[in-house]
Amino acid sequence: MGYQYEPKKKNVTEMSQNCRVLLAAASLLIVGNTDWCKCSECLGMGTDVESFCCQESIRIFEKMDEYSETTFTCMTQHPVFVANCLNTWVLDVAYLQYRHQYQHPLEFSQHE
């Protein structure tokens, strides 16, 4: 599962049978290991959708360049990521805003 507001992956039913076989084989190669990782910070994940390296996205690096002149190998090293995604106070405020906007709590524990 990706992030809530990210674009969805294209529907596999639109692909030919050969493409589906190749996609399934490629998915098996990346699940549970980090051979596909280019930033050296990724962890082995349980699905191919979760097995995604930040260096695979040009948009991530474009955003990082907007906020810093320093080059980082991974988005998790960037100060904006640390300040906004790892700070519990920021996450609490974002959660309260979400609850206010959508009128229901999210279903997860504090450490998810």
N, C-alpha and C. Protein backbone atom coordinates (compact mmCIF):
# COMPACT_ATOMS: atom_id res chain seq x y z
N MET A 1 0.84 -1.18 0.00
CA MET A 1 0.00 0.00 0.00
C MET A 1 0.88 1.24 0.00
N GLY A 2 0.64 2.14 -0.92
CA GLY A 2 1.40 3.37 -0.99
C GLY A 2 0.84 4.40 -0.03
N TYR A 3 1.18 5.64 -0.24
CA TYR A 3 0.68 6.72 0.58
C TYR A 3 -0.71 7.11 0.11
N GLN A 4 -1.49 7.69 1.01
CA GLN A 4 -2.90 7.94 0.75
C GLN A 4 -3.15 8.81 -0.48
N TYR A 5 -2.35 9.83 -0.70
CA TYR A 5 -2.63 10.76 -1.78
C TYR A 5 -1.73 10.58 -3.00
N GLU A 6 -1.00 9.50 -3.07
CA GLU A 6 -0.14 9.22 -4.22
C GLU A 6 -0.97 8.61 -5.34
N PRO A 7 -0.55 8.79 -6.58
CA PRO A 7 -1.28 8.18 -7.70
C PRO A 7 -1.28 6.66 -7.59
N LYS A 8 -2.34 6.05 -8.05
CA LYS A 8 -2.47 4.60 -8.02
C LYS A 8 -1.65 3.95 -9.13
N LYS A 9 -1.23 2.71 -8.87
CA LYS A 9 -0.52 1.93 -9.87
C LYS A 9 -1.49 1.55 -10.99
N LYS A 10 -1.01 1.46 -12.20
CA LYS A 10 -1.89 1.09 -13.32
C LYS A 10 -2.46 -0.30 -13.12
N ASN A 11 -3.63 -0.50 -13.62
CA ASN A 11 -4.34 -1.77 -13.49
C ASN A 11 -3.63 -2.86 -14.30
N VAL A 12 -3.32 -3.97 -13.63
CA VAL A 12 -2.61 -5.07 -14.27
C VAL A 12 -3.46 -5.74 -15.34
N THR A 13 -4.78 -5.67 -15.24
CA THR A 13 -5.65 -6.32 -16.22
C THR A 13 -5.53 -5.68 -17.60
N GLU A 14 -5.00 -4.47 -17.68
CA GLU A 14 -4.82 -3.81 -18.97
C GLU A 14 -3.60 -4.33 -19.73
N MET A 15 -2.77 -5.10 -19.07
CA MET A 15 -1.54 -5.58 -19.69
C MET A 15 -1.75 -6.92 -20.39
N SER A 16 -0.86 -7.22 -21.30
CA SER A 16 -0.91 -8.51 -21.98
C SER A 16 -0.46 -9.62 -21.03
N GLN A 17 -0.73 -10.85 -21.40
CA GLN A 17 -0.35 -12.00 -20.58
C GLN A 17 1.17 -12.05 -20.39
N ASN A 18 1.94 -11.77 -21.43
CA ASN A 18 3.40 -11.78 -21.32
C ASN A 18 3.89 -10.74 -20.32
N CYS A 19 3.29 -9.57 -20.36
CA CYS A 19 3.67 -8.52 -19.41
C CYS A 19 3.34 -8.94 -17.98
N ARG A 20 2.19 -9.59 -17.78
CA ARG A 20 1.82 -10.04 -16.44
C ARG A 20 2.80 -11.07 -15.90
N VAL A 21 3.25 -11.98 -16.76
CA VAL A 21 4.21 -13.00 -16.34
C VAL A 21 5.54 -12.34 -15.96
N LEU A 22 6.00 -11.41 -16.78
CA LEU A 22 7.25 -10.70 -16.49
C LEU A 22 7.14 -9.87 -15.21
N LEU A 23 6.01 -9.21 -15.02
CA LEU A 23 5.79 -8.42 -13.83
C LEU A 23 5.79 -9.29 -12.58
N ALA A 24 5.14 -10.43 -12.65
CA ALA A 24 5.11 -11.36 -11.51
C ALA A 24 6.50 -11.87 -11.18
N ALA A 25 7.28 -12.20 -12.20
CA ALA A 25 8.65 -12.68 -11.98
C ALA A 25 9.51 -11.58 -11.36
N ALA A 26 9.38 -10.36 -11.85
CA ALA A 26 10.15 -9.24 -11.30
C ALA A 26 9.75 -8.97 -9.86
N SER A 27 8.46 -9.10 -9.55
CA SER A 27 7.98 -8.88 -8.19
C SER A 27 8.61 -9.87 -7.22
N LEU A 28 8.72 -11.12 -7.64
CA LEU A 28 9.33 -12.13 -6.79
C LEU A 28 10.79 -11.83 -6.50
N LEU A 29 11.48 -11.21 -7.44
CA LEU A 29 12.90 -10.91 -7.26
C LEU A 29 13.16 -9.80 -6.25
N ILE A 30 12.24 -8.89 -6.05
CA ILE A 30 12.50 -7.76 -5.16
C ILE A 30 11.91 -7.92 -3.76
N VAL A 31 10.95 -8.81 -3.59
CA VAL A 31 10.30 -8.98 -2.29
C VAL A 31 11.26 -9.63 -1.30
N GLY A 32 11.38 -9.01 -0.12
CA GLY A 32 12.16 -9.60 0.96
C GLY A 32 13.65 -9.35 0.92
N ASN A 33 14.14 -8.62 -0.07
CA ASN A 33 15.57 -8.30 -0.11
C ASN A 33 15.75 -6.83 -0.48
N THR A 34 16.98 -6.39 -0.53
CA THR A 34 17.26 -4.98 -0.87
C THR A 34 18.17 -4.84 -2.08
N ASP A 35 18.22 -5.85 -2.92
CA ASP A 35 19.07 -5.78 -4.11
C ASP A 35 18.66 -4.64 -5.04
N TRP A 36 17.42 -4.23 -5.01
CA TRP A 36 16.87 -3.18 -5.85
C TRP A 36 17.16 -1.78 -5.32
N CYS A 37 17.61 -1.67 -4.08
CA CYS A 37 17.81 -0.38 -3.42
C CYS A 37 19.04 0.35 -3.97
N LYS A 38 18.88 1.64 -4.27
CA LYS A 38 19.99 2.45 -4.79
C LYS A 38 20.54 3.42 -3.75
N CYS A 39 19.81 3.64 -2.65
CA CYS A 39 20.25 4.62 -1.65
C CYS A 39 20.92 3.98 -0.43
N SER A 40 20.88 2.67 -0.34
CA SER A 40 21.47 1.89 0.77
C SER A 40 20.74 2.08 2.10
N GLU A 41 19.53 2.59 2.08
CA GLU A 41 18.76 2.80 3.31
C GLU A 41 17.48 1.97 3.35
N CYS A 42 17.10 1.34 2.24
CA CYS A 42 15.84 0.60 2.17
C CYS A 42 15.92 -0.70 2.97
N LEU A 43 14.76 -1.18 3.37
CA LEU A 43 14.63 -2.45 4.06
C LEU A 43 13.90 -3.44 3.16
N GLY A 44 14.15 -4.73 3.36
CA GLY A 44 13.41 -5.75 2.63
C GLY A 44 11.95 -5.71 3.05
N MET A 45 11.05 -5.60 2.09
CA MET A 45 9.63 -5.46 2.38
C MET A 45 8.87 -6.70 1.93
N GLY A 46 7.62 -6.81 2.37
CA GLY A 46 6.82 -8.00 2.11
C GLY A 46 6.12 -8.03 0.77
N THR A 47 6.02 -6.89 0.08
CA THR A 47 5.36 -6.85 -1.22
C THR A 47 6.19 -6.02 -2.19
N ASP A 48 5.91 -6.20 -3.48
CA ASP A 48 6.64 -5.42 -4.49
C ASP A 48 6.24 -3.95 -4.46
N VAL A 49 5.01 -3.65 -4.07
CA VAL A 49 4.56 -2.26 -3.99
C VAL A 49 5.34 -1.50 -2.92
N GLU A 50 5.61 -2.16 -1.80
CA GLU A 50 6.36 -1.54 -0.71
C GLU A 50 7.85 -1.46 -1.01
N SER A 51 8.33 -2.28 -1.91
CA SER A 51 9.76 -2.33 -2.25
C SER A 51 10.07 -1.21 -3.23
N PHE A 52 10.21 -0.02 -2.71
CA PHE A 52 10.40 1.18 -3.53
C PHE A 52 11.53 2.02 -2.94
N CYS A 53 12.48 2.38 -3.75
CA CYS A 53 13.61 3.20 -3.32
C CYS A 53 13.33 4.66 -3.69
N CYS A 54 13.68 5.57 -2.81
CA CYS A 54 13.45 6.99 -3.08
C CYS A 54 14.20 7.46 -4.32
N GLN A 55 15.29 6.78 -4.68
CA GLN A 55 16.05 7.19 -5.86
C GLN A 55 15.37 6.79 -7.17
N GLU A 56 14.27 6.05 -7.07
CA GLU A 56 13.50 5.69 -8.26
C GLU A 56 12.55 6.81 -8.67
N SER A 57 12.40 7.83 -7.83
CA SER A 57 11.46 8.91 -8.09
C SER A 57 12.18 10.23 -8.32
N ILE A 58 12.04 10.76 -9.51
CA ILE A 58 12.63 12.06 -9.82
C ILE A 58 11.93 13.15 -9.00
N ARG A 59 10.64 13.01 -8.77
CA ARG A 59 9.89 14.02 -8.01
C ARG A 59 10.44 14.18 -6.59
N ILE A 60 10.86 13.09 -5.98
CA ILE A 60 11.42 13.18 -4.63
C ILE A 60 12.69 14.03 -4.64
N PHE A 61 13.57 13.76 -5.59
CA PHE A 61 14.82 14.52 -5.64
C PHE A 61 14.59 15.97 -6.06
N GLU A 62 13.60 16.23 -6.90
CA GLU A 62 13.27 17.62 -7.24
C GLU A 62 12.82 18.37 -6.00
N LYS A 63 11.99 17.75 -5.17
CA LYS A 63 11.54 18.38 -3.94
C LYS A 63 12.70 18.59 -2.97
N MET A 64 13.58 17.61 -2.85
CA MET A 64 14.72 17.75 -1.95
C MET A 64 15.61 18.90 -2.39
N ASP A 65 15.79 19.07 -3.69
CA ASP A 65 16.62 20.16 -4.21
C ASP A 65 16.01 21.52 -3.94
N GLU A 66 14.68 21.60 -3.85
CA GLU A 66 14.02 22.87 -3.56
C GLU A 66 14.38 23.39 -2.18
N TYR A 67 14.63 22.50 -1.23
CA TYR A 67 14.83 22.88 0.15
C TYR A 67 16.28 22.84 0.63
N SER A 68 17.17 22.34 -0.19
CA SER A 68 18.55 22.21 0.28
C SER A 68 19.52 22.18 -0.90
N GLU A 69 20.69 22.74 -0.67
CA GLU A 69 21.73 22.69 -1.69
C GLU A 69 22.65 21.49 -1.48
N THR A 70 22.51 20.83 -0.34
CA THR A 70 23.30 19.64 -0.04
C THR A 70 22.71 18.44 -0.77
N THR A 71 23.55 17.57 -1.27
CA THR A 71 23.09 16.36 -1.94
C THR A 71 23.00 15.23 -0.92
N PHE A 72 21.86 14.57 -0.90
CA PHE A 72 21.63 13.45 0.00
C PHE A 72 21.44 12.18 -0.83
N THR A 73 21.90 11.05 -0.30
CA THR A 73 21.71 9.79 -1.01
C THR A 73 20.33 9.20 -0.76
N CYS A 74 19.69 9.61 0.33
CA CYS A 74 18.37 9.08 0.67
C CYS A 74 17.50 10.19 1.23
N MET A 75 16.21 10.14 0.92
CA MET A 75 15.30 11.18 1.40
C MET A 75 15.19 11.18 2.93
N THR A 76 15.47 10.06 3.58
CA THR A 76 15.38 10.01 5.04
C THR A 76 16.50 10.79 5.71
N GLN A 77 17.54 11.16 4.97
CA GLN A 77 18.63 11.97 5.51
C GLN A 77 18.33 13.46 5.43
N HIS A 78 17.35 13.84 4.64
CA HIS A 78 17.03 15.24 4.42
C HIS A 78 16.39 15.85 5.66
N PRO A 79 16.82 17.04 6.08
CA PRO A 79 16.27 17.67 7.29
C PRO A 79 14.75 17.88 7.25
N VAL A 80 14.18 18.14 6.08
CA VAL A 80 12.73 18.34 5.98
C VAL A 80 12.00 17.03 6.29
N PHE A 81 12.53 15.90 5.83
CA PHE A 81 11.92 14.60 6.14
C PHE A 81 11.97 14.35 7.64
N VAL A 82 13.14 14.58 8.23
CA VAL A 82 13.31 14.35 9.67
C VAL A 82 12.34 15.23 10.46
N ALA A 83 12.25 16.51 10.10
CA ALA A 83 11.40 17.45 10.84
C ALA A 83 9.91 17.14 10.68
N ASN A 84 9.49 16.68 9.52
CA ASN A 84 8.07 16.50 9.25
C ASN A 84 7.56 15.08 9.38
N CYS A 85 8.41 14.10 9.22
CA CYS A 85 7.95 12.71 9.23
C CYS A 85 8.40 11.92 10.45
N LEU A 86 9.38 12.40 11.17
CA LEU A 86 9.87 11.67 12.33
C LEU A 86 9.60 12.40 13.64
N ASN A 87 9.15 13.63 13.59
CA ASN A 87 8.86 14.41 14.78
C ASN A 87 7.46 14.07 15.27
N THR A 88 7.35 13.51 16.48
CA THR A 88 6.05 13.06 16.99
C THR A 88 5.07 14.22 17.18
N TRP A 89 5.55 15.41 17.50
CA TRP A 89 4.66 16.56 17.66
C TRP A 89 4.03 16.93 16.32
N VAL A 90 4.81 16.94 15.28
CA VAL A 90 4.29 17.25 13.94
C VAL A 90 3.28 16.19 13.52
N LEU A 91 3.59 14.92 13.79
CA LEU A 91 2.67 13.84 13.43
C LEU A 91 1.36 13.93 14.22
N ASP A 92 1.44 14.31 15.50
CA ASP A 92 0.23 14.48 16.30
C ASP A 92 -0.67 15.58 15.73
N VAL A 93 -0.07 16.71 15.35
CA VAL A 93 -0.85 17.81 14.78
C VAL A 93 -1.47 17.38 13.45
N ALA A 94 -0.71 16.67 12.62
CA ALA A 94 -1.23 16.20 11.34
C ALA A 94 -2.40 15.23 11.56
N TYR A 95 -2.29 14.38 12.57
CA TYR A 95 -3.37 13.44 12.88
C TYR A 95 -4.62 14.18 13.35
N LEU A 96 -4.44 15.18 14.22
CA LEU A 96 -5.59 15.96 14.68
C LEU A 96 -6.26 16.69 13.53
N GLN A 97 -5.47 17.22 12.61
CA GLN A 97 -6.03 17.88 11.43
C GLN A 97 -6.81 16.87 10.57
N TYR A 98 -6.25 15.68 10.41
CA TYR A 98 -6.94 14.63 9.64
C TYR A 98 -8.28 14.29 10.29
N ARG A 99 -8.26 14.09 11.61
CA ARG A 99 -9.51 13.76 12.32
C ARG A 99 -10.54 14.87 12.17
N HIS A 100 -10.09 16.10 12.27
CA HIS A 100 -11.01 17.24 12.13
C HIS A 100 -11.58 17.30 10.72
N GLN A 101 -10.74 17.08 9.73
CA GLN A 101 -11.17 17.19 8.34
C GLN A 101 -12.08 16.04 7.92
N TYR A 102 -11.78 14.81 8.34
CA TYR A 102 -12.52 13.64 7.87
C TYR A 102 -13.48 13.07 8.91
N GLN A 103 -13.53 13.63 10.09
CA GLN A 103 -14.50 13.27 11.13
C GLN A 103 -14.42 11.83 11.62
N HIS A 104 -13.28 11.19 11.49
CA HIS A 104 -13.13 9.85 12.05
C HIS A 104 -11.66 9.57 12.33
N PRO A 105 -11.39 8.78 13.37
CA PRO A 105 -9.99 8.46 13.68
C PRO A 105 -9.45 7.40 12.73
N LEU A 106 -8.14 7.43 12.54
CA LEU A 106 -7.49 6.38 11.76
C LEU A 106 -7.39 5.13 12.61
N GLU A 107 -7.38 3.98 11.98
CA GLU A 107 -7.29 2.70 12.68
C GLU A 107 -5.86 2.20 12.67
N PHE A 108 -5.05 2.63 13.64
CA PHE A 108 -3.69 2.13 13.76
C PHE A 108 -3.18 2.43 15.16
N SER A 109 -2.13 1.74 15.54
CA SER A 109 -1.52 2.01 16.83
C SER A 109 -0.54 3.16 16.69
N GLN A 110 -0.05 3.69 17.80
CA GLN A 110 0.81 4.87 17.79
C GLN A 110 2.10 4.65 17.00
N HIS A 111 2.62 3.44 16.95
CA HIS A 111 3.92 3.19 16.34
C HIS A 111 3.85 2.68 14.91
N GLU A 112 2.71 2.74 14.26
CA GLU A 112 2.63 2.29 12.88
C GLU A 112 3.03 3.39 11.95
